[in-house]
Amino acid sequence: MDLQKLSINDIKGFDAVKLRETEKAVRKALLDVRMDIYTAENKHTGKIRGLRKTLARVLTVAGATKAVKTKASTKKTK
C-alpha cells in the first residue's frame, strides 16, 4: 500500500483497527524519511508533505468515527 497515495475514500472504508495500523505505518514512514534526509542518504523532501497529508486524513477520519460513536452512545443513555 502506497501511503502517500491513500485517498479519503479509501481511508473511510477502514475499520478502527486498520485506521490505527495505518496511522502507525504513516508515522513510521515519516520518521524514516526524516532520518534519510538528516543523514543525507536521500533528499526526498516532497515525501514528507504527502505523508503528513495522509496522516491528517487518517486522524480526521478516526476522529469523525469516534465522534459519531460517542454521539450515538450518549443518545442511547438519555
PDB file of N, CA and C in Angstrom:
ATOM      1  N   MET A   1       0.849  -1.168   0.000  1.00  0.00           N
ATOM      2  CA  MET A   1       0.000   0.000   0.000  1.00  0.00           C
ATOM      3  C   MET A   1       0.895   1.232   0.000  1.00  0.00           C
ATOM      4  N   ASP A   2       0.640   2.111  -0.954  1.00  0.00           N
ATOM      5  CA  ASP A   2       1.413   3.344  -1.043  1.00  0.00           C
ATOM      6  C   ASP A   2       0.776   4.376  -0.116  1.00  0.00           C
ATOM      7  N   LEU A   3       1.460   4.690   0.952  1.00  0.00           N
ATOM      8  CA  LEU A   3       0.896   5.559   1.980  1.00  0.00           C
ATOM      9  C   LEU A   3       0.683   6.980   1.500  1.00  0.00           C
ATOM     10  N   GLN A   4       1.459   7.425   0.543  1.00  0.00           N
ATOM     11  CA  GLN A   4       1.316   8.788   0.057  1.00  0.00           C
ATOM     12  C   GLN A   4       0.086   8.955  -0.819  1.00  0.00           C
ATOM     13  N   LYS A   5      -0.384   7.888  -1.409  1.00  0.00           N
ATOM     14  CA  LYS A   5      -1.466   7.985  -2.384  1.00  0.00           C
ATOM     15  C   LYS A   5      -2.812   7.524  -1.832  1.00  0.00           C
ATOM     16  N   LEU A   6      -2.939   7.381  -0.532  1.00  0.00           N
ATOM     17  CA  LEU A   6      -4.217   6.981   0.043  1.00  0.00           C
ATOM     18  C   LEU A   6      -5.211   8.135  -0.072  1.00  0.00           C
ATOM     19  N   SER A   7      -6.364   7.854  -0.644  1.00  0.00           N
ATOM     20  CA  SER A   7      -7.386   8.898  -0.761  1.00  0.00           C
ATOM     21  C   SER A   7      -8.312   8.832   0.448  1.00  0.00           C
ATOM     22  N   ILE A   8      -9.083   9.870   0.630  1.00  0.00           N
ATOM     23  CA  ILE A   8     -10.000   9.936   1.758  1.00  0.00           C
ATOM     24  C   ILE A   8     -11.064   8.852   1.628  1.00  0.00           C
ATOM     25  N   ASN A   9     -11.464   8.519   0.410  1.00  0.00           N
ATOM     26  CA  ASN A   9     -12.466   7.464   0.212  1.00  0.00           C
ATOM     27  C   ASN A   9     -11.929   6.100   0.621  1.00  0.00           C
ATOM     28  N   ASP A  10     -10.654   5.847   0.356  1.00  0.00           N
ATOM     29  CA  ASP A  10     -10.035   4.599   0.788  1.00  0.00           C
ATOM     30  C   ASP A  10     -10.001   4.529   2.309  1.00  0.00           C
ATOM     31  N   ILE A  11      -9.624   5.621   2.917  1.00  0.00           N
ATOM     32  CA  ILE A  11      -9.467   5.660   4.370  1.00  0.00           C
ATOM     33  C   ILE A  11     -10.815   5.527   5.069  1.00  0.00           C
ATOM     34  N   LYS A  12     -11.869   6.094   4.500  1.00  0.00           N
ATOM     35  CA  LYS A  12     -13.196   5.987   5.114  1.00  0.00           C
ATOM     36  C   LYS A  12     -13.686   4.549   5.171  1.00  0.00           C
ATOM     37  N   GLY A  13     -13.170   3.702   4.310  1.00  0.00           N
ATOM     38  CA  GLY A  13     -13.557   2.298   4.298  1.00  0.00           C
ATOM     39  C   GLY A  13     -12.855   1.461   5.364  1.00  0.00           C
ATOM     40  N   PHE A  14     -11.876   2.022   6.047  1.00  0.00           N
ATOM     41  CA  PHE A  14     -11.127   1.283   7.054  1.00  0.00           C
ATOM     42  C   PHE A  14     -11.911   1.197   8.353  1.00  0.00           C
ATOM     43  N   ASP A  15     -11.731   0.089   9.074  1.00  0.00           N
ATOM     44  CA  ASP A  15     -12.302  -0.003  10.413  1.00  0.00           C
ATOM     45  C   ASP A  15     -11.319   0.607  11.409  1.00  0.00           C
ATOM     46  N   ALA A  16     -11.693   0.636  12.681  1.00  0.00           N
ATOM     47  CA  ALA A  16     -10.880   1.315  13.697  1.00  0.00           C
ATOM     48  C   ALA A  16      -9.483   0.708  13.811  1.00  0.00           C
ATOM     49  N   VAL A  17      -9.386  -0.607  13.740  1.00  0.00           N
ATOM     50  CA  VAL A  17      -8.089  -1.274  13.865  1.00  0.00           C
ATOM     51  C   VAL A  17      -7.198  -0.923  12.679  1.00  0.00           C
ATOM     52  N   LYS A  18      -7.765  -0.956  11.490  1.00  0.00           N
ATOM     53  CA  LYS A  18      -6.998  -0.630  10.285  1.00  0.00           C
ATOM     54  C   LYS A  18      -6.553   0.836  10.307  1.00  0.00           C
ATOM     55  N   LEU A  19      -7.398   1.724  10.846  1.00  0.00           N
ATOM     56  CA  LEU A  19      -7.013   3.135  10.958  1.00  0.00           C
ATOM     57  C   LEU A  19      -5.802   3.293  11.867  1.00  0.00           C
ATOM     58  N   ARG A  20      -5.812   2.599  13.015  1.00  0.00           N
ATOM     59  CA  ARG A  20      -4.666   2.692  13.929  1.00  0.00           C
ATOM     60  C   ARG A  20      -3.399   2.129  13.299  1.00  0.00           C
ATOM     61  N   GLU A  21      -3.536   1.012  12.582  1.00  0.00           N
ATOM     62  CA  GLU A  21      -2.378   0.419  11.914  1.00  0.00           C
ATOM     63  C   GLU A  21      -1.821   1.364  10.846  1.00  0.00           C
ATOM     64  N   THR A  22      -2.721   1.999  10.098  1.00  0.00           N
ATOM     65  CA  THR A  22      -2.297   2.932   9.056  1.00  0.00           C
ATOM     66  C   THR A  22      -1.623   4.148   9.672  1.00  0.00           C
ATOM     67  N   GLU A  23      -2.174   4.637  10.782  1.00  0.00           N
ATOM     68  CA  GLU A  23      -1.563   5.781  11.463  1.00  0.00           C
ATOM     69  C   GLU A  23      -0.143   5.448  11.900  1.00  0.00           C
ATOM     70  N   LYS A  24       0.032   4.273  12.494  1.00  0.00           N
ATOM     71  CA  LYS A  24       1.378   3.871  12.935  1.00  0.00           C
ATOM     72  C   LYS A  24       2.330   3.741  11.753  1.00  0.00           C
ATOM     73  N   ALA A  25       1.836   3.181  10.644  1.00  0.00           N
ATOM     74  CA  ALA A  25       2.677   2.995   9.465  1.00  0.00           C
ATOM     75  C   ALA A  25       3.091   4.344   8.870  1.00  0.00           C
ATOM     76  N   VAL A  26       2.163   5.289   8.839  1.00  0.00           N
ATOM     77  CA  VAL A  26       2.484   6.611   8.290  1.00  0.00           C
ATOM     78  C   VAL A  26       3.488   7.325   9.185  1.00  0.00           C
ATOM     79  N   ARG A  27       3.279   7.242  10.492  1.00  0.00           N
ATOM     80  CA  ARG A  27       4.228   7.878  11.418  1.00  0.00           C
ATOM     81  C   ARG A  27       5.626   7.271  11.282  1.00  0.00           C
ATOM     82  N   LYS A  28       5.694   5.960  11.104  1.00  0.00           N
ATOM     83  CA  LYS A  28       6.990   5.298  10.932  1.00  0.00           C
ATOM     84  C   LYS A  28       7.636   5.718   9.608  1.00  0.00           C
ATOM     85  N   ALA A  29       6.833   5.802   8.555  1.00  0.00           N
ATOM     86  CA  ALA A  29       7.353   6.233   7.258  1.00  0.00           C
ATOM     87  C   ALA A  29       7.869   7.665   7.335  1.00  0.00           C
ATOM     88  N   LEU A  30       7.151   8.537   8.043  1.00  0.00           N
ATOM     89  CA  LEU A  30       7.612   9.920   8.233  1.00  0.00           C
ATOM     90  C   LEU A  30       8.958   9.943   8.949  1.00  0.00           C
ATOM     91  N   LEU A  31       9.075   9.151   9.988  1.00  0.00           N
ATOM     92  CA  LEU A  31      10.328   9.084  10.737  1.00  0.00           C
ATOM     93  C   LEU A  31      11.464   8.608   9.840  1.00  0.00           C
ATOM     94  N   ASP A  32      11.197   7.574   9.049  1.00  0.00           N
ATOM     95  CA  ASP A  32      12.228   7.044   8.155  1.00  0.00           C
ATOM     96  C   ASP A  32      12.677   8.078   7.121  1.00  0.00           C
ATOM     97  N   VAL A  33      11.709   8.784   6.539  1.00  0.00           N
ATOM     98  CA  VAL A  33      12.061   9.796   5.533  1.00  0.00           C
ATOM     99  C   VAL A  33      12.852  10.930   6.170  1.00  0.00           C
ATOM    100  N   ARG A  34      12.431  11.352   7.358  1.00  0.00           N
ATOM    101  CA  ARG A  34      13.168  12.430   8.046  1.00  0.00           C
ATOM    102  C   ARG A  34      14.592  11.998   8.382  1.00  0.00           C
ATOM    103  N   MET A  35      14.748  10.759   8.816  1.00  0.00           N
ATOM    104  CA  MET A  35      16.095  10.269   9.139  1.00  0.00           C
ATOM    105  C   MET A  35      16.941  10.175   7.877  1.00  0.00           C
ATOM    106  N   ASP A  36      16.332   9.771   6.757  1.00  0.00           N
ATOM    107  CA  ASP A  36      17.079   9.731   5.493  1.00  0.00           C
ATOM    108  C   ASP A  36      17.559  11.119   5.098  1.00  0.00           C
ATOM    109  N   ILE A  37      16.713  12.113   5.314  1.00  0.00           N
ATOM    110  CA  ILE A  37      17.084  13.485   4.961  1.00  0.00           C
ATOM    111  C   ILE A  37      18.213  13.976   5.867  1.00  0.00           C
ATOM    112  N   TYR A  38      18.098  13.706   7.166  1.00  0.00           N
ATOM    113  CA  TYR A  38      19.118  14.181   8.106  1.00  0.00           C
ATOM    114  C   TYR A  38      20.456  13.480   7.928  1.00  0.00           C
ATOM    115  N   THR A  39      20.416  12.230   7.515  1.00  0.00           N
ATOM    116  CA  THR A  39      21.661  11.513   7.309  1.00  0.00           C
ATOM    117  C   THR A  39      22.176  11.680   5.875  1.00  0.00           C
ATOM    118  N   ALA A  40      21.457  12.460   5.089  1.00  0.00           N
ATOM    119  CA  ALA A  40      21.854  12.815   3.723  1.00  0.00           C
ATOM    120  C   ALA A  40      21.922  11.622   2.783  1.00  0.00           C
ATOM    121  N   GLU A  41      21.147  10.571   3.078  1.00  0.00           N
ATOM    122  CA  GLU A  41      21.103   9.447   2.150  1.00  0.00           C
ATOM    123  C   GLU A  41      20.308   9.832   0.909  1.00  0.00           C
ATOM    124  N   ASN A  42      19.129  10.337   1.133  1.00  0.00           N
ATOM    125  CA  ASN A  42      18.262  10.773   0.035  1.00  0.00           C
ATOM    126  C   ASN A  42      17.664  12.121   0.390  1.00  0.00           C
ATOM    127  N   LYS A  43      17.349  12.882  -0.599  1.00  0.00           N
ATOM    128  CA  LYS A  43      16.726  14.177  -0.369  1.00  0.00           C
ATOM    129  C   LYS A  43      15.300  14.163  -0.928  1.00  0.00           C
ATOM    130  N   HIS A  44      14.466  13.273  -0.404  1.00  0.00           N
ATOM    131  CA  HIS A  44      13.078  13.176  -0.842  1.00  0.00           C
ATOM    132  C   HIS A  44      12.197  14.005   0.090  1.00  0.00           C
ATOM    133  N   THR A  45      12.404  15.300   0.070  1.00  0.00           N
ATOM    134  CA  THR A  45      11.662  16.168   0.973  1.00  0.00           C
ATOM    135  C   THR A  45      10.196  16.262   0.592  1.00  0.00           C
ATOM    136  N   GLY A  46       9.861  16.010  -0.639  1.00  0.00           N
ATOM    137  CA  GLY A  46       8.471  16.053  -1.076  1.00  0.00           C
ATOM    138  C   GLY A  46       7.629  14.950  -0.470  1.00  0.00           C
ATOM    139  N   LYS A  47       8.259  13.854  -0.103  1.00  0.00           N
ATOM    140  CA  LYS A  47       7.527  12.748   0.513  1.00  0.00           C
ATOM    141  C   LYS A  47       6.938  13.148   1.854  1.00  0.00           C
ATOM    142  N   ILE A  48       7.628  14.019   2.561  1.00  0.00           N
ATOM    143  CA  ILE A  48       7.152  14.419   3.884  1.00  0.00           C
ATOM    144  C   ILE A  48       5.791  15.084   3.775  1.00  0.00           C
ATOM    145  N   ARG A  49       5.623  15.946   2.812  1.00  0.00           N
ATOM    146  CA  ARG A  49       4.353  16.652   2.660  1.00  0.00           C
ATOM    147  C   ARG A  49       3.216  15.665   2.379  1.00  0.00           C
ATOM    148  N   GLY A  50       3.454  14.722   1.484  1.00  0.00           N
ATOM    149  CA  GLY A  50       2.426  13.725   1.162  1.00  0.00           C
ATOM    150  C   GLY A  50       2.079  12.858   2.353  1.00  0.00           C
ATOM    151  N   LEU A  51       3.086  12.454   3.110  1.00  0.00           N
ATOM    152  CA  LEU A  51       2.838  11.615   4.281  1.00  0.00           C
ATOM    153  C   LEU A  51       2.107  12.391   5.369  1.00  0.00           C
ATOM    154  N   ARG A  52       2.438  13.668   5.538  1.00  0.00           N
ATOM    155  CA  ARG A  52       1.734  14.477   6.537  1.00  0.00           C
ATOM    156  C   ARG A  52       0.272  14.655   6.161  1.00  0.00           C
ATOM    157  N   LYS A  53      -0.006  14.819   4.883  1.00  0.00           N
ATOM    158  CA  LYS A  53      -1.391  14.943   4.428  1.00  0.00           C
ATOM    159  C   LYS A  53      -2.151  13.635   4.669  1.00  0.00           C
ATOM    160  N   THR A  54      -1.508  12.521   4.393  1.00  0.00           N
ATOM    161  CA  THR A  54      -2.142  11.228   4.629  1.00  0.00           C
ATOM    162  C   THR A  54      -2.416  11.040   6.112  1.00  0.00           C
ATOM    163  N   LEU A  55      -1.459  11.406   6.948  1.00  0.00           N
ATOM    164  CA  LEU A  55      -1.650  11.290   8.393  1.00  0.00           C
ATOM    165  C   LEU A  55      -2.824  12.156   8.838  1.00  0.00           C
ATOM    166  N   ALA A  56      -2.938  13.354   8.294  1.00  0.00           N
ATOM    167  CA  ALA A  56      -4.059  14.234   8.645  1.00  0.00           C
ATOM    168  C   ALA A  56      -5.386  13.615   8.218  1.00  0.00           C
ATOM    169  N   ARG A  57      -5.412  12.988   7.055  1.00  0.00           N
ATOM    170  CA  ARG A  57      -6.639  12.328   6.602  1.00  0.00           C
ATOM    171  C   ARG A  57      -7.026  11.189   7.533  1.00  0.00           C
ATOM    172  N   VAL A  58      -6.054  10.379   7.907  1.00  0.00           N
ATOM    173  CA  VAL A  58      -6.324   9.247   8.794  1.00  0.00           C
ATOM    174  C   VAL A  58      -6.842   9.733  10.141  1.00  0.00           C
ATOM    175  N   LEU A  59      -6.198  10.737  10.705  1.00  0.00           N
ATOM    176  CA  LEU A  59      -6.621  11.252  12.006  1.00  0.00           C
ATOM    177  C   LEU A  59      -7.994  11.918  11.930  1.00  0.00           C
ATOM    178  N   THR A  60      -8.301  12.561  10.820  1.00  0.00           N
ATOM    179  CA  THR A  60      -9.612  13.184  10.642  1.00  0.00           C
ATOM    180  C   THR A  60     -10.718  12.130  10.598  1.00  0.00           C
ATOM    181  N   VAL A  61     -10.496  11.079   9.832  1.00  0.00           N
ATOM    182  CA  VAL A  61     -11.495  10.013   9.744  1.00  0.00           C
ATOM    183  C   VAL A  61     -11.635   9.300  11.082  1.00  0.00           C
ATOM    184  N   ALA A  62     -10.520   9.063  11.764  1.00  0.00           N
ATOM    185  CA  ALA A  62     -10.573   8.403  13.070  1.00  0.00           C
ATOM    186  C   ALA A  62     -11.333   9.258  14.079  1.00  0.00           C
ATOM    187  N   GLY A  63     -11.099  10.555  14.064  1.00  0.00           N
ATOM    188  CA  GLY A  63     -11.800  11.457  14.971  1.00  0.00           C
ATOM    189  C   GLY A  63     -13.281  11.533  14.659  1.00  0.00           C
ATOM    190  N   ALA A  64     -13.627  11.569  13.388  1.00  0.00           N
ATOM    191  CA  ALA A  64     -15.033  11.630  12.997  1.00  0.00           C
ATOM    192  C   ALA A  64     -15.751  10.340  13.385  1.00  0.00           C
ATOM    193  N   THR A  65     -15.088   9.217  13.206  1.00  0.00           N
ATOM    194  CA  THR A  65     -15.676   7.933  13.580  1.00  0.00           C
ATOM    195  C   THR A  65     -15.893   7.865  15.082  1.00  0.00           C
ATOM    196  N   LYS A  66     -14.919   8.337  15.826  1.00  0.00           N
ATOM    197  CA  LYS A  66     -15.024   8.337  17.285  1.00  0.00           C
ATOM    198  C   LYS A  66     -16.144   9.264  17.745  1.00  0.00           C
ATOM    199  N   ALA A  67     -16.272  10.427  17.105  1.00  0.00           N
ATOM    200  CA  ALA A  67     -17.316  11.389  17.468  1.00  0.00           C
ATOM    201  C   ALA A  67     -18.705  10.824  17.190  1.00  0.00           C
ATOM    202  N   VAL A  68     -18.856  10.123  16.092  1.00  0.00           N
ATOM    203  CA  VAL A  68     -20.151   9.534  15.756  1.00  0.00           C
ATOM    204  C   VAL A  68     -20.521   8.465  16.768  1.00  0.00           C
ATOM    205  N   LYS A  69     -19.550   7.633  17.146  1.00  0.00           N
ATOM    206  CA  LYS A  69     -19.821   6.582  18.130  1.00  0.00           C
ATOM    207  C   LYS A  69     -20.166   7.191  19.488  1.00  0.00           C
ATOM    208  N   THR A  70     -19.462   8.243  19.873  1.00  0.00           N
ATOM    209  CA  THR A  70     -19.727   8.897  21.151  1.00  0.00           C
ATOM    210  C   THR A  70     -21.107   9.540  21.144  1.00  0.00           C
ATOM    211  N   LYS A  71     -21.441  10.186  20.047  1.00  0.00           N
ATOM    212  CA  LYS A  71     -22.739  10.841  19.923  1.00  0.00           C
ATOM    213  C   LYS A  71     -23.870   9.811  19.988  1.00  0.00           C
ATOM    214  N   ALA A  72     -23.668   8.673  19.325  1.00  0.00           N
ATOM    215  CA  ALA A  72     -24.688   7.631  19.313  1.00  0.00           C
ATOM    216  C   ALA A  72     -24.862   7.025  20.688  1.00  0.00           C
ATOM    217  N   SER A  73     -23.769   6.858  21.436  1.00  0.00           N
ATOM    218  CA  SER A  73     -23.873   6.246  22.760  1.00  0.00           C
ATOM    219  C   SER A  73     -24.511   7.199  23.772  1.00  0.00           C
ATOM    220  N   THR A  74     -24.317   8.505  23.606  1.00  0.00           N
ATOM    221  CA  THR A  74     -24.950   9.456  24.526  1.00  0.00           C
ATOM    222  C   THR A  74     -26.446   9.571  24.261  1.00  0.00           C
ATOM    223  N   LYS A  75     -26.867   9.375  23.023  1.00  0.00           N
ATOM    224  CA  LYS A  75     -28.289   9.412  22.709  1.00  0.00           C
ATOM    225  C   LYS A  75     -29.003   8.206  23.312  1.00  0.00           C
ATOM    226  N   LYS A  76     -28.335   7.062  23.369  1.00  0.00           N
ATOM    227  CA  LYS A  76     -28.935   5.854  23.936  1.00  0.00           C
ATOM    228  C   LYS A  76     -29.132   5.966  25.436  1.00  0.00           C
ATOM    229  N   THR A  77     -28.242   6.678  26.115  1.00  0.00           N
ATOM    230  CA  THR A  77     -28.315   6.765  27.573  1.00  0.00           C
ATOM    231  C   THR A  77     -29.344   7.756  28.046  1.00  0.00           C
ATOM    232  N   LYS A  78     -29.755   8.669  27.193  1.00  0.00           N
ATOM    233  CA  LYS A  78     -30.726   9.699  27.617  1.00  0.00           C
ATOM    234  C   LYS A  78     -32.115   9.176  27.691  1.00  0.00           C
TER     235      LYS A  78
END
